Amino acid sequence: MFKELESAQVGATEALAAALDHLAYNDDGLVPAIAQQFDSGEVLTLAWMNRPAIEETLATGRVCYWSRSRQTLWRKGETSGHVQRLKELRIDCDGDSLLLLLDQTGPACHTGRPSCFYVRVEGDRVKVISEQLVDPTEVYGDEAPKAPEV
């Protein structure tokens, strides 16, 4: 299906169900989803979605992922309150990844930072480049994830 869309004219449409059927899910039934702040363009995180997560996100407007560690649907912000509201969902040309343009409430990262991409490579070192907006222990208590040591 996505091959045919390569030469489609602007405005051409296909059924959503068919597009979801033709996504290139991995062996676990997942597709990578890039979360991007809709107004600034900042990339917030990379997460995974299965078809039920995609369908729930589209139905509710609140972003839902698949948690690989917990093996369950994960509604972003259900613990922290830092929800993501979908503005637009895009499918890449091969149907093997998604782009979620969204509005993030609070930090996107479980470390309390605005983005999960807060470690920059500089030569033979890595450097933390953004401040924590909130203390993760205030959000998650004793179960707060630890930031990597750099």
C-alpha atoms as a PDB file:
ATOM      1  CA  MET A   1       0.000   0.000   0.000  1.00  0.00           C
ATOM      2  CA  PHE A   2       2.727   2.513   0.921  1.00  0.00           C
ATOM      3  CA  LYS A   3       4.567   1.772  -2.339  1.00  0.00           C
ATOM      4  CA  GLU A   4       1.479   2.879  -4.256  1.00  0.00           C
ATOM      5  CA  LEU A   5       1.271   6.099  -2.239  1.00  0.00           C
ATOM      6  CA  GLU A   6       4.773   7.097  -3.382  1.00  0.00           C
ATOM      7  CA  SER A   7       3.381   8.329  -6.700  1.00  0.00           C
ATOM      8  CA  ALA A   8       0.010   9.505  -5.388  1.00  0.00           C
ATOM      9  CA  GLN A   9      -1.123  13.063  -5.934  1.00  0.00           C
ATOM     10  CA  VAL A  10      -1.491  15.478  -3.015  1.00  0.00           C
ATOM     11  CA  GLY A  11      -4.894  14.913  -1.458  1.00  0.00           C
ATOM     12  CA  ALA A  12      -5.118  11.206  -2.351  1.00  0.00           C
ATOM     13  CA  THR A  13      -6.556   9.115   0.468  1.00  0.00           C
ATOM     14  CA  GLU A  14      -6.652   5.520   1.617  1.00  0.00           C
ATOM     15  CA  ALA A  15      -8.631   3.894   4.417  1.00  0.00           C
ATOM     16  CA  LEU A  16      -7.024   4.180   7.856  1.00  0.00           C
ATOM     17  CA  ALA A  17      -7.733   0.515   8.603  1.00  0.00           C
ATOM     18  CA  ALA A  18      -5.828  -0.492   5.473  1.00  0.00           C
ATOM     19  CA  ALA A  19      -2.893   1.732   6.409  1.00  0.00           C
ATOM     20  CA  LEU A  20      -2.749   0.221   9.915  1.00  0.00           C
ATOM     21  CA  ASP A  21      -2.967  -3.267   8.392  1.00  0.00           C
ATOM     22  CA  HIS A  22       0.057  -2.504   6.218  1.00  0.00           C
ATOM     23  CA  LEU A  23       2.337  -0.990   8.844  1.00  0.00           C
ATOM     24  CA  ALA A  24       5.652  -2.847   9.139  1.00  0.00           C
ATOM     25  CA  TYR A  25       5.216  -4.066  12.699  1.00  0.00           C
ATOM     26  CA  ASN A  26       8.215  -5.919  14.148  1.00  0.00           C
ATOM     27  CA  ASP A  27       8.031  -9.507  15.444  1.00  0.00           C
ATOM     28  CA  ASP A  28       6.504  -8.194  18.690  1.00  0.00           C
ATOM     29  CA  GLY A  29       3.774  -6.345  16.809  1.00  0.00           C
ATOM     30  CA  LEU A  30       5.341  -2.946  17.447  1.00  0.00           C
ATOM     31  CA  VAL A  31       6.317   0.041  15.356  1.00  0.00           C
ATOM     32  CA  PRO A  32       8.627   2.861  16.525  1.00  0.00           C
ATOM     33  CA  ALA A  33       6.938   6.178  17.237  1.00  0.00           C
ATOM     34  CA  ILE A  34       8.862   9.441  17.334  1.00  0.00           C
ATOM     35  CA  ALA A  35       7.234  12.045  19.580  1.00  0.00           C
ATOM     36  CA  GLN A  36       7.822  15.645  18.491  1.00  0.00           C
ATOM     37  CA  GLN A  37       6.517  18.847  20.078  1.00  0.00           C
ATOM     38  CA  PHE A  38       4.170  20.238  17.435  1.00  0.00           C
ATOM     39  CA  ASP A  39       5.023  23.939  17.769  1.00  0.00           C
ATOM     40  CA  SER A  40       8.785  23.912  18.461  1.00  0.00           C
ATOM     41  CA  GLY A  41       9.787  20.819  16.476  1.00  0.00           C
ATOM     42  CA  GLU A  42      11.759  19.458  19.450  1.00  0.00           C
ATOM     43  CA  VAL A  43      12.077  15.676  19.389  1.00  0.00           C
ATOM     44  CA  LEU A  44      10.901  14.456  22.779  1.00  0.00           C
ATOM     45  CA  THR A  45      11.266  10.683  22.757  1.00  0.00           C
ATOM     46  CA  LEU A  46      11.185   7.469  20.787  1.00  0.00           C
ATOM     47  CA  ALA A  47       8.660   4.935  22.015  1.00  0.00           C
ATOM     48  CA  TRP A  48       6.802   1.926  20.638  1.00  0.00           C
ATOM     49  CA  MET A  49       3.187   1.472  19.603  1.00  0.00           C
ATOM     50  CA  ASN A  50       1.120  -1.544  18.704  1.00  0.00           C
ATOM     51  CA  ARG A  51      -2.148  -1.326  16.805  1.00  0.00           C
ATOM     52  CA  PRO A  52      -4.337  -0.985  19.929  1.00  0.00           C
ATOM     53  CA  ALA A  53      -2.101   1.876  21.161  1.00  0.00           C
ATOM     54  CA  ILE A  54      -2.388   3.637  17.799  1.00  0.00           C
ATOM     55  CA  GLU A  55      -6.155   3.160  17.717  1.00  0.00           C
ATOM     56  CA  GLU A  56      -6.585   4.407  21.293  1.00  0.00           C
ATOM     57  CA  THR A  57      -4.405   7.434  20.585  1.00  0.00           C
ATOM     58  CA  LEU A  58      -6.437   8.321  17.515  1.00  0.00           C
ATOM     59  CA  ALA A  59      -9.747   7.756  19.317  1.00  0.00           C
ATOM     60  CA  THR A  60      -8.933   9.740  22.466  1.00  0.00           C
ATOM     61  CA  GLY A  61      -6.309  12.260  21.374  1.00  0.00           C
ATOM     62  CA  ARG A  62      -4.188  11.263  24.376  1.00  0.00           C
ATOM     63  CA  VAL A  63      -1.002   9.468  23.364  1.00  0.00           C
ATOM     64  CA  CYS A  64      -0.805   5.814  24.352  1.00  0.00           C
ATOM     65  CA  TYR A  65       2.263   3.638  23.814  1.00  0.00           C
ATOM     66  CA  TRP A  66       3.150   0.004  24.401  1.00  0.00           C
ATOM     67  CA  SER A  67       5.447  -0.470  27.384  1.00  0.00           C
ATOM     68  CA  ARG A  68       7.965  -3.148  26.496  1.00  0.00           C
ATOM     69  CA  SER A  69       9.134  -3.429  30.115  1.00  0.00           C
ATOM     70  CA  ARG A  70       5.640  -3.772  31.587  1.00  0.00           C
ATOM     71  CA  GLN A  71       4.105  -5.530  28.568  1.00  0.00           C
ATOM     72  CA  THR A  72       0.994  -3.363  28.679  1.00  0.00           C
ATOM     73  CA  LEU A  73      -0.487  -0.229  27.188  1.00  0.00           C
ATOM     74  CA  TRP A  74       1.108   2.880  28.662  1.00  0.00           C
ATOM     75  CA  ARG A  75      -0.864   6.087  28.605  1.00  0.00           C
ATOM     76  CA  LYS A  76       1.789   8.780  28.727  1.00  0.00           C
ATOM     77  CA  GLY A  77       1.364  10.760  31.928  1.00  0.00           C
ATOM     78  CA  GLU A  78      -0.795   8.254  33.803  1.00  0.00           C
ATOM     79  CA  THR A  79       1.676   8.339  36.718  1.00  0.00           C
ATOM     80  CA  SER A  80       3.387  11.700  36.261  1.00  0.00           C
ATOM     81  CA  GLY A  81       0.526  13.790  34.919  1.00  0.00           C
ATOM     82  CA  HIS A  82       2.812  14.822  32.038  1.00  0.00           C
ATOM     83  CA  VAL A  83       0.403  13.910  29.269  1.00  0.00           C
ATOM     84  CA  GLN A  84       0.847  14.127  25.541  1.00  0.00           C
ATOM     85  CA  ARG A  85      -2.063  15.336  23.387  1.00  0.00           C
ATOM     86  CA  LEU A  86      -1.925  14.277  19.763  1.00  0.00           C
ATOM     87  CA  LYS A  87      -2.109  17.021  17.153  1.00  0.00           C
ATOM     88  CA  GLU A  88      -1.229  14.914  14.115  1.00  0.00           C
ATOM     89  CA  LEU A  89      -0.019  11.388  13.373  1.00  0.00           C
ATOM     90  CA  ARG A  90       2.109  10.723  10.306  1.00  0.00           C
ATOM     91  CA  ILE A  91       3.314   7.457   8.804  1.00  0.00           C
ATOM     92  CA  ASP A  92       6.682   7.357   7.059  1.00  0.00           C
ATOM     93  CA  CYS A  93       7.062   6.360   3.401  1.00  0.00           C
ATOM     94  CA  ASP A  94       7.803   2.693   4.155  1.00  0.00           C
ATOM     95  CA  GLY A  95       5.155   2.302   6.830  1.00  0.00           C
ATOM     96  CA  ASP A  96       7.824   1.282   9.340  1.00  0.00           C
ATOM     97  CA  SER A  97       7.739   4.228  11.727  1.00  0.00           C
ATOM     98  CA  LEU A  98       5.361   6.864  13.025  1.00  0.00           C
ATOM     99  CA  LEU A  99       5.742  10.552  13.794  1.00  0.00           C
ATOM    100  CA  LEU A 100       3.480  11.930  16.495  1.00  0.00           C
ATOM    101  CA  LEU A 101       3.173  15.702  16.460  1.00  0.00           C
ATOM    102  CA  LEU A 102       1.901  16.440  19.930  1.00  0.00           C
ATOM    103  CA  ASP A 103       1.529  18.899  22.738  1.00  0.00           C
ATOM    104  CA  GLN A 104       3.526  17.833  25.786  1.00  0.00           C
ATOM    105  CA  THR A 105       2.414  18.850  29.284  1.00  0.00           C
ATOM    106  CA  GLY A 106       5.438  19.038  31.600  1.00  0.00           C
ATOM    107  CA  PRO A 107       8.645  17.120  30.966  1.00  0.00           C
ATOM    108  CA  ALA A 108       8.561  14.305  28.423  1.00  0.00           C
ATOM    109  CA  CYS A 109      11.383  12.312  30.021  1.00  0.00           C
ATOM    110  CA  HIS A 110      11.053  10.188  33.148  1.00  0.00           C
ATOM    111  CA  THR A 111      14.215  11.920  34.390  1.00  0.00           C
ATOM    112  CA  GLY A 112      12.297  15.202  34.648  1.00  0.00           C
ATOM    113  CA  ARG A 113      13.879  16.732  31.549  1.00  0.00           C
ATOM    114  CA  PRO A 114      11.948  18.256  28.657  1.00  0.00           C
ATOM    115  CA  SER A 115      13.252  15.651  26.188  1.00  0.00           C
ATOM    116  CA  CYS A 116      14.709  12.173  26.481  1.00  0.00           C
ATOM    117  CA  PHE A 117      17.497  13.342  24.176  1.00  0.00           C
ATOM    118  CA  TYR A 118      19.451  15.352  26.754  1.00  0.00           C
ATOM    119  CA  VAL A 119      22.838  13.635  26.355  1.00  0.00           C
ATOM    120  CA  ARG A 120      24.976  15.035  23.514  1.00  0.00           C
ATOM    121  CA  VAL A 121      28.111  13.401  22.116  1.00  0.00           C
ATOM    122  CA  GLU A 122      31.076  15.775  22.111  1.00  0.00           C
ATOM    123  CA  GLY A 123      34.169  14.111  20.699  1.00  0.00           C
ATOM    124  CA  ASP A 124      35.139  11.293  23.058  1.00  0.00           C
ATOM    125  CA  ARG A 125      32.722  12.460  25.803  1.00  0.00           C
ATOM    126  CA  VAL A 126      28.995  12.722  26.376  1.00  0.00           C
ATOM    127  CA  LYS A 127      27.500  15.802  27.995  1.00  0.00           C
ATOM    128  CA  VAL A 128      24.166  16.488  29.719  1.00  0.00           C
ATOM    129  CA  ILE A 129      22.658  19.495  27.920  1.00  0.00           C
ATOM    130  CA  SER A 130      19.324  20.170  29.634  1.00  0.00           C
ATOM    131  CA  GLU A 131      18.183  20.811  33.174  1.00  0.00           C
ATOM    132  CA  GLN A 132      15.643  18.771  35.051  1.00  0.00           C
ATOM    133  CA  LEU A 133      12.339  20.633  35.159  1.00  0.00           C
ATOM    134  CA  VAL A 134      11.088  18.495  38.047  1.00  0.00           C
ATOM    135  CA  ASP A 135      12.671  16.145  40.553  1.00  0.00           C
ATOM    136  CA  PRO A 136      11.677  12.617  39.462  1.00  0.00           C
ATOM    137  CA  THR A 137      11.387  11.505  43.112  1.00  0.00           C
ATOM    138  CA  GLU A 138       8.593  14.064  43.564  1.00  0.00           C
ATOM    139  CA  VAL A 139       6.721  12.506  40.645  1.00  0.00           C
ATOM    140  CA  TYR A 140       7.551   8.802  41.031  1.00  0.00           C
ATOM    141  CA  GLY A 141       8.602   8.541  44.688  1.00  0.00           C
ATOM    142  CA  ASP A 142      11.113   5.816  45.546  1.00  0.00           C
ATOM    143  CA  GLU A 143      10.527   4.223  42.144  1.00  0.00           C
ATOM    144  CA  ALA A 144      12.023   7.241  40.362  1.00  0.00           C
ATOM    145  CA  PRO A 145      14.309   6.216  37.513  1.00  0.00           C
ATOM    146  CA  LYS A 146      17.935   7.198  37.827  1.00  0.00           C
ATOM    147  CA  ALA A 147      19.571   9.395  35.234  1.00  0.00           C
ATOM    148  CA  PRO A 148      22.677   7.944  33.607  1.00  0.00           C
ATOM    149  CA  GLU A 149      25.997   8.982  35.078  1.00  0.00           C
ATOM    150  CA  VAL A 150      28.170  11.013  32.728  1.00  0.00           C
END
